[in-house]
Amino acid sequence: MKFRIITIVSLVILSLSGCATSSYSVGKNFSSENVPQIIKGKTTTEEMVNLFGEPYSKTVISATDEKWIYMHSEGTAKAQSYIVTMDVKTTGTQKMLDVLITDGVVSNYTFTEGQNPYTMQVN
């Protein structure tokens, strides 16, 4: 009888936990190798589109300034669910090219690229 109760309790606990894995891709991939070809004060918006394609987003800053963002992130997310908590771990890569355009010419930009490790615990 005691073995049966332990078995039932174990099955209930196992049914309340679980795991899932999912792949993700956000943004539009672009060539990192072309970043050194950007010249502040010289590279035009047409040249940017030729080098990287259309940006992920465009924002008007003022009558003369626009902000273009090229962004791409991809990887895997793994979630492990327990009775009252959940752990989420992501691995992958991300890159972002943030460009300030003034009067149709690149006036400034920043570029970051690297691993995207992230862990979150939800209670």
N, C-alpha and C. Protein backbone atom coordinates (compact mmCIF):
# COMPACT_ATOMS: atom_id res chain seq x y z
N MET A 1 0.82 -1.20 0.00
CA MET A 1 0.00 0.00 0.00
C MET A 1 0.87 1.27 0.00
N LYS A 2 1.92 1.25 0.82
CA LYS A 2 2.82 2.40 0.91
C LYS A 2 3.50 2.64 -0.44
N PHE A 3 3.90 1.57 -1.12
CA PHE A 3 4.54 1.68 -2.43
C PHE A 3 3.59 2.31 -3.45
N ARG A 4 2.34 1.96 -3.39
CA ARG A 4 1.32 2.50 -4.31
C ARG A 4 1.16 4.01 -4.11
N ILE A 5 1.13 4.46 -2.87
CA ILE A 5 0.99 5.90 -2.57
C ILE A 5 2.21 6.66 -3.07
N ILE A 6 3.40 6.10 -2.83
CA ILE A 6 4.63 6.74 -3.30
C ILE A 6 4.63 6.83 -4.82
N THR A 7 4.19 5.79 -5.49
CA THR A 7 4.13 5.78 -6.94
C THR A 7 3.15 6.83 -7.46
N ILE A 8 1.99 6.92 -6.85
CA ILE A 8 0.98 7.90 -7.27
C ILE A 8 1.49 9.32 -7.05
N VAL A 9 2.08 9.58 -5.89
CA VAL A 9 2.63 10.91 -5.59
C VAL A 9 3.74 11.25 -6.59
N SER A 10 4.60 10.30 -6.90
CA SER A 10 5.68 10.54 -7.87
C SER A 10 5.13 10.87 -9.24
N LEU A 11 4.10 10.16 -9.67
CA LEU A 11 3.49 10.42 -10.97
C LEU A 11 2.84 11.80 -11.02
N VAL A 12 2.22 12.21 -9.94
CA VAL A 12 1.60 13.54 -9.88
C VAL A 12 2.68 14.62 -9.97
N ILE A 13 3.77 14.44 -9.24
CA ILE A 13 4.86 15.42 -9.27
C ILE A 13 5.47 15.49 -10.67
N LEU A 14 5.69 14.36 -11.31
CA LEU A 14 6.24 14.36 -12.67
C LEU A 14 5.31 15.02 -13.67
N SER A 15 4.01 14.85 -13.48
CA SER A 15 3.07 15.47 -14.42
C SER A 15 3.00 16.99 -14.26
N LEU A 16 3.45 17.50 -13.12
CA LEU A 16 3.43 18.94 -12.89
C LEU A 16 4.72 19.62 -13.34
N SER A 17 5.68 18.86 -13.83
CA SER A 17 6.91 19.45 -14.34
C SER A 17 7.07 19.08 -15.81
N GLY A 18 7.92 19.85 -16.50
CA GLY A 18 8.11 19.56 -17.92
C GLY A 18 9.18 20.46 -18.49
N CYS A 19 9.48 20.26 -19.77
CA CYS A 19 10.47 21.10 -20.42
C CYS A 19 10.08 21.30 -21.88
N ALA A 20 10.61 22.37 -22.45
CA ALA A 20 10.34 22.68 -23.86
C ALA A 20 11.55 23.39 -24.44
N THR A 21 11.80 23.16 -25.71
CA THR A 21 12.89 23.82 -26.42
C THR A 21 12.32 24.46 -27.68
N SER A 22 12.77 25.68 -27.94
CA SER A 22 12.27 26.40 -29.11
C SER A 22 13.40 27.19 -29.75
N SER A 23 13.42 27.22 -31.06
CA SER A 23 14.37 28.06 -31.79
C SER A 23 13.71 29.39 -32.12
N TYR A 24 14.51 30.44 -32.17
CA TYR A 24 13.95 31.75 -32.50
C TYR A 24 14.88 32.51 -33.43
N SER A 25 14.30 33.40 -34.19
CA SER A 25 15.03 34.31 -35.06
C SER A 25 14.25 35.62 -35.09
N VAL A 26 14.92 36.71 -34.73
CA VAL A 26 14.28 38.01 -34.66
C VAL A 26 15.07 38.98 -35.53
N GLY A 27 14.38 39.80 -36.28
CA GLY A 27 15.04 40.79 -37.12
C GLY A 27 15.41 40.21 -38.46
N LYS A 28 16.24 40.95 -39.16
CA LYS A 28 16.64 40.60 -40.52
C LYS A 28 18.16 40.46 -40.54
N ASN A 29 18.66 39.29 -40.97
CA ASN A 29 20.10 39.08 -40.96
C ASN A 29 20.79 40.02 -41.96
N PHE A 30 21.97 40.46 -41.61
CA PHE A 30 22.75 41.36 -42.48
C PHE A 30 24.23 41.00 -42.35
N SER A 31 25.02 41.42 -43.31
CA SER A 31 26.43 41.07 -43.38
C SER A 31 27.29 41.94 -42.45
N SER A 32 27.87 41.33 -41.45
CA SER A 32 28.77 42.04 -40.53
C SER A 32 30.05 42.49 -41.22
N GLU A 33 30.44 41.75 -42.25
CA GLU A 33 31.69 42.06 -42.95
C GLU A 33 31.65 43.42 -43.65
N ASN A 34 30.45 43.95 -43.93
CA ASN A 34 30.33 45.24 -44.62
C ASN A 34 30.42 46.45 -43.69
N VAL A 35 30.39 46.23 -42.38
CA VAL A 35 30.41 47.36 -41.43
C VAL A 35 31.62 48.27 -41.62
N PRO A 36 32.84 47.74 -41.82
CA PRO A 36 33.99 48.64 -42.01
C PRO A 36 33.90 49.53 -43.25
N GLN A 37 32.99 49.22 -44.17
CA GLN A 37 32.83 50.03 -45.37
C GLN A 37 32.02 51.30 -45.12
N ILE A 38 31.41 51.41 -43.93
CA ILE A 38 30.66 52.63 -43.59
C ILE A 38 31.65 53.73 -43.25
N ILE A 39 31.53 54.87 -43.90
CA ILE A 39 32.40 56.02 -43.64
C ILE A 39 31.52 57.18 -43.19
N LYS A 40 31.73 57.62 -41.94
CA LYS A 40 30.95 58.73 -41.39
C LYS A 40 31.16 59.97 -42.26
N GLY A 41 30.05 60.64 -42.58
CA GLY A 41 30.11 61.85 -43.37
C GLY A 41 30.17 61.60 -44.87
N LYS A 42 30.22 60.32 -45.29
CA LYS A 42 30.35 60.02 -46.72
C LYS A 42 29.33 59.00 -47.21
N THR A 43 29.12 57.91 -46.45
CA THR A 43 28.22 56.83 -46.90
C THR A 43 26.78 57.33 -46.95
N THR A 44 26.13 57.14 -48.10
CA THR A 44 24.75 57.61 -48.29
C THR A 44 23.75 56.51 -47.91
N THR A 45 22.49 56.92 -47.83
CA THR A 45 21.44 55.95 -47.53
C THR A 45 21.34 54.91 -48.64
N GLU A 46 21.54 55.31 -49.88
CA GLU A 46 21.51 54.37 -51.00
C GLU A 46 22.62 53.32 -50.86
N GLU A 47 23.81 53.78 -50.46
CA GLU A 47 24.92 52.85 -50.25
C GLU A 47 24.64 51.91 -49.07
N MET A 48 23.99 52.43 -48.02
CA MET A 48 23.62 51.58 -46.88
C MET A 48 22.68 50.46 -47.31
N VAL A 49 21.70 50.81 -48.13
CA VAL A 49 20.75 49.80 -48.61
C VAL A 49 21.48 48.78 -49.50
N ASN A 50 22.43 49.24 -50.30
CA ASN A 50 23.21 48.32 -51.14
C ASN A 50 24.07 47.38 -50.28
N LEU A 51 24.62 47.89 -49.18
CA LEU A 51 25.49 47.09 -48.31
C LEU A 51 24.72 46.12 -47.42
N PHE A 52 23.57 46.58 -46.87
CA PHE A 52 22.89 45.82 -45.83
C PHE A 52 21.43 45.49 -46.13
N GLY A 53 20.87 46.04 -47.19
CA GLY A 53 19.44 45.88 -47.43
C GLY A 53 18.66 46.93 -46.65
N GLU A 54 17.35 46.80 -46.66
CA GLU A 54 16.51 47.73 -45.89
C GLU A 54 16.70 47.47 -44.40
N PRO A 55 16.71 48.52 -43.58
CA PRO A 55 16.88 48.33 -42.14
C PRO A 55 15.67 47.67 -41.50
N TYR A 56 15.88 47.10 -40.32
CA TYR A 56 14.82 46.51 -39.52
C TYR A 56 13.81 47.58 -39.11
N SER A 57 14.33 48.77 -38.77
CA SER A 57 13.43 49.88 -38.43
C SER A 57 14.06 51.21 -38.82
N LYS A 58 13.19 52.19 -39.09
CA LYS A 58 13.60 53.56 -39.38
C LYS A 58 12.77 54.47 -38.48
N THR A 59 13.43 55.46 -37.88
CA THR A 59 12.74 56.41 -37.00
C THR A 59 13.17 57.82 -37.39
N VAL A 60 12.20 58.69 -37.57
CA VAL A 60 12.50 60.10 -37.85
C VAL A 60 12.82 60.78 -36.52
N ILE A 61 14.00 61.39 -36.46
CA ILE A 61 14.45 62.09 -35.25
C ILE A 61 14.12 63.58 -35.36
N SER A 62 14.37 64.16 -36.52
CA SER A 62 14.10 65.58 -36.76
C SER A 62 13.91 65.77 -38.26
N ALA A 63 13.82 67.02 -38.69
CA ALA A 63 13.64 67.31 -40.11
C ALA A 63 14.82 66.83 -40.95
N THR A 64 15.99 66.70 -40.34
CA THR A 64 17.18 66.30 -41.09
C THR A 64 17.77 64.95 -40.66
N ASP A 65 17.30 64.42 -39.53
CA ASP A 65 17.92 63.21 -38.96
C ASP A 65 16.96 62.02 -38.93
N GLU A 66 17.51 60.86 -39.25
CA GLU A 66 16.80 59.59 -39.14
C GLU A 66 17.68 58.61 -38.39
N LYS A 67 17.06 57.67 -37.70
CA LYS A 67 17.79 56.59 -37.04
C LYS A 67 17.39 55.29 -37.73
N TRP A 68 18.38 54.60 -38.27
CA TRP A 68 18.16 53.30 -38.90
C TRP A 68 18.75 52.23 -37.99
N ILE A 69 18.00 51.14 -37.81
CA ILE A 69 18.49 50.03 -37.00
C ILE A 69 18.45 48.75 -37.82
N TYR A 70 19.62 48.12 -37.90
CA TYR A 70 19.74 46.78 -38.46
C TYR A 70 19.95 45.86 -37.26
N MET A 71 19.10 44.85 -37.11
CA MET A 71 19.17 43.99 -35.94
C MET A 71 18.86 42.56 -36.33
N HIS A 72 19.61 41.63 -35.75
CA HIS A 72 19.33 40.22 -35.94
C HIS A 72 19.76 39.45 -34.70
N SER A 73 18.88 38.57 -34.24
CA SER A 73 19.17 37.72 -33.10
C SER A 73 18.58 36.34 -33.39
N GLU A 74 19.36 35.31 -33.13
CA GLU A 74 18.84 33.95 -33.32
C GLU A 74 19.47 33.02 -32.31
N GLY A 75 18.74 31.95 -32.01
CA GLY A 75 19.25 30.99 -31.05
C GLY A 75 18.20 30.01 -30.62
N THR A 76 18.40 29.49 -29.41
CA THR A 76 17.52 28.48 -28.85
C THR A 76 17.12 28.89 -27.44
N ALA A 77 15.86 28.70 -27.12
CA ALA A 77 15.36 28.94 -25.77
C ALA A 77 14.90 27.61 -25.18
N LYS A 78 15.37 27.32 -23.97
CA LYS A 78 14.98 26.08 -23.28
C LYS A 78 14.30 26.45 -21.97
N ALA A 79 13.11 25.93 -21.79
CA ALA A 79 12.35 26.20 -20.57
C ALA A 79 12.17 24.90 -19.79
N GLN A 80 12.45 24.94 -18.50
CA GLN A 80 12.25 23.80 -17.62
C GLN A 80 11.25 24.24 -16.56
N SER A 81 10.12 23.56 -16.51
CA SER A 81 9.07 23.91 -15.57
C SER A 81 9.07 22.94 -14.40
N TYR A 82 9.00 23.51 -13.22
CA TYR A 82 8.88 22.71 -12.00
C TYR A 82 7.52 23.01 -11.39
N ILE A 83 7.25 22.51 -10.22
CA ILE A 83 5.92 22.67 -9.63
C ILE A 83 5.57 24.13 -9.44
N VAL A 84 6.46 24.93 -8.89
CA VAL A 84 6.13 26.34 -8.64
C VAL A 84 7.09 27.32 -9.32
N THR A 85 8.11 26.84 -10.02
CA THR A 85 9.06 27.74 -10.67
C THR A 85 9.32 27.29 -12.11
N MET A 86 9.95 28.18 -12.87
CA MET A 86 10.33 27.87 -14.23
C MET A 86 11.67 28.52 -14.52
N ASP A 87 12.59 27.77 -15.12
CA ASP A 87 13.87 28.29 -15.56
C ASP A 87 13.86 28.40 -17.08
N VAL A 88 14.27 29.55 -17.61
CA VAL A 88 14.36 29.76 -19.04
C VAL A 88 15.80 30.14 -19.36
N LYS A 89 16.43 29.40 -20.28
CA LYS A 89 17.81 29.69 -20.69
C LYS A 89 17.83 29.85 -22.19
N THR A 90 18.47 30.91 -22.66
CA THR A 90 18.60 31.12 -24.09
C THR A 90 20.07 31.15 -24.46
N THR A 91 20.37 30.65 -25.63
CA THR A 91 21.72 30.73 -26.17
C THR A 91 21.58 31.12 -27.64
N GLY A 92 22.56 31.81 -28.14
CA GLY A 92 22.51 32.22 -29.54
C GLY A 92 23.40 33.41 -29.78
N THR A 93 23.15 34.10 -30.87
CA THR A 93 23.95 35.26 -31.23
C THR A 93 23.04 36.45 -31.52
N GLN A 94 23.59 37.62 -31.35
CA GLN A 94 22.85 38.83 -31.70
C GLN A 94 23.81 39.85 -32.26
N LYS A 95 23.30 40.66 -33.19
CA LYS A 95 24.10 41.78 -33.71
C LYS A 95 23.16 42.94 -33.99
N MET A 96 23.70 44.15 -33.77
CA MET A 96 22.92 45.35 -33.98
C MET A 96 23.80 46.45 -34.56
N LEU A 97 23.28 47.07 -35.62
CA LEU A 97 23.92 48.22 -36.24
C LEU A 97 22.95 49.37 -36.11
N ASP A 98 23.33 50.37 -35.34
CA ASP A 98 22.50 51.54 -35.05
C ASP A 98 23.12 52.72 -35.79
N VAL A 99 22.38 53.30 -36.75
CA VAL A 99 22.94 54.30 -37.66
C VAL A 99 22.17 55.61 -37.55
N LEU A 100 22.89 56.72 -37.42
CA LEU A 100 22.28 58.05 -37.46
C LEU A 100 22.55 58.63 -38.85
N ILE A 101 21.46 58.96 -39.53
CA ILE A 101 21.53 59.52 -40.88
C ILE A 101 21.19 61.01 -40.79
N THR A 102 22.03 61.88 -41.32
CA THR A 102 21.77 63.32 -41.36
C THR A 102 21.83 63.79 -42.81
N ASP A 103 20.72 64.33 -43.28
CA ASP A 103 20.63 64.80 -44.66
C ASP A 103 21.04 63.72 -45.67
N GLY A 104 20.62 62.46 -45.42
CA GLY A 104 20.87 61.37 -46.36
C GLY A 104 22.25 60.75 -46.30
N VAL A 105 23.07 61.16 -45.30
CA VAL A 105 24.44 60.64 -45.17
C VAL A 105 24.65 60.14 -43.74
N VAL A 106 25.39 59.05 -43.58
CA VAL A 106 25.68 58.52 -42.24
C VAL A 106 26.52 59.53 -41.46
N SER A 107 26.00 59.99 -40.32
CA SER A 107 26.78 60.90 -39.49
C SER A 107 27.42 60.18 -38.30
N ASN A 108 26.83 59.05 -37.89
CA ASN A 108 27.40 58.28 -36.79
C ASN A 108 26.78 56.89 -36.81
N TYR A 109 27.48 55.91 -36.22
CA TYR A 109 26.92 54.56 -36.09
C TYR A 109 27.63 53.81 -34.99
N THR A 110 26.96 52.79 -34.47
CA THR A 110 27.55 51.84 -33.53
C THR A 110 27.19 50.44 -33.99
N PHE A 111 28.08 49.49 -33.75
CA PHE A 111 27.85 48.11 -34.13
C PHE A 111 28.26 47.21 -32.97
N THR A 112 27.38 46.28 -32.60
CA THR A 112 27.70 45.29 -31.58
C THR A 112 27.33 43.91 -32.11
N GLU A 113 28.13 42.93 -31.73
CA GLU A 113 27.88 41.54 -32.14
C GLU A 113 28.43 40.63 -31.07
N GLY A 114 27.69 39.58 -30.73
CA GLY A 114 28.20 38.65 -29.74
C GLY A 114 27.20 37.57 -29.38
N GLN A 115 27.58 36.83 -28.35
CA GLN A 115 26.73 35.75 -27.85
C GLN A 115 25.57 36.33 -27.06
N ASN A 116 24.50 35.56 -27.00
CA ASN A 116 23.30 36.00 -26.31
C ASN A 116 22.92 34.98 -25.24
N PRO A 117 23.75 34.79 -24.22
CA PRO A 117 23.33 33.89 -23.14
C PRO A 117 22.43 34.63 -22.17
N TYR A 118 21.35 34.01 -21.77
CA TYR A 118 20.40 34.65 -20.87
C TYR A 118 19.72 33.60 -20.04
N THR A 119 19.60 33.82 -18.75
CA THR A 119 18.90 32.90 -17.85
C THR A 119 17.89 33.69 -17.03
N MET A 120 16.70 33.13 -16.90
CA MET A 120 15.65 33.78 -16.14
C MET A 120 14.93 32.73 -15.30
N GLN A 121 14.61 33.07 -14.06
CA GLN A 121 13.83 32.18 -13.22
C GLN A 121 12.55 32.88 -12.83
N VAL A 122 11.43 32.19 -13.04
CA VAL A 122 10.12 32.74 -12.73
C VAL A 122 9.55 31.95 -11.57
N ASN A 123 9.13 32.65 -10.55
CA ASN A 123 8.51 31.99 -9.39
C ASN A 123 7.02 32.21 -9.41
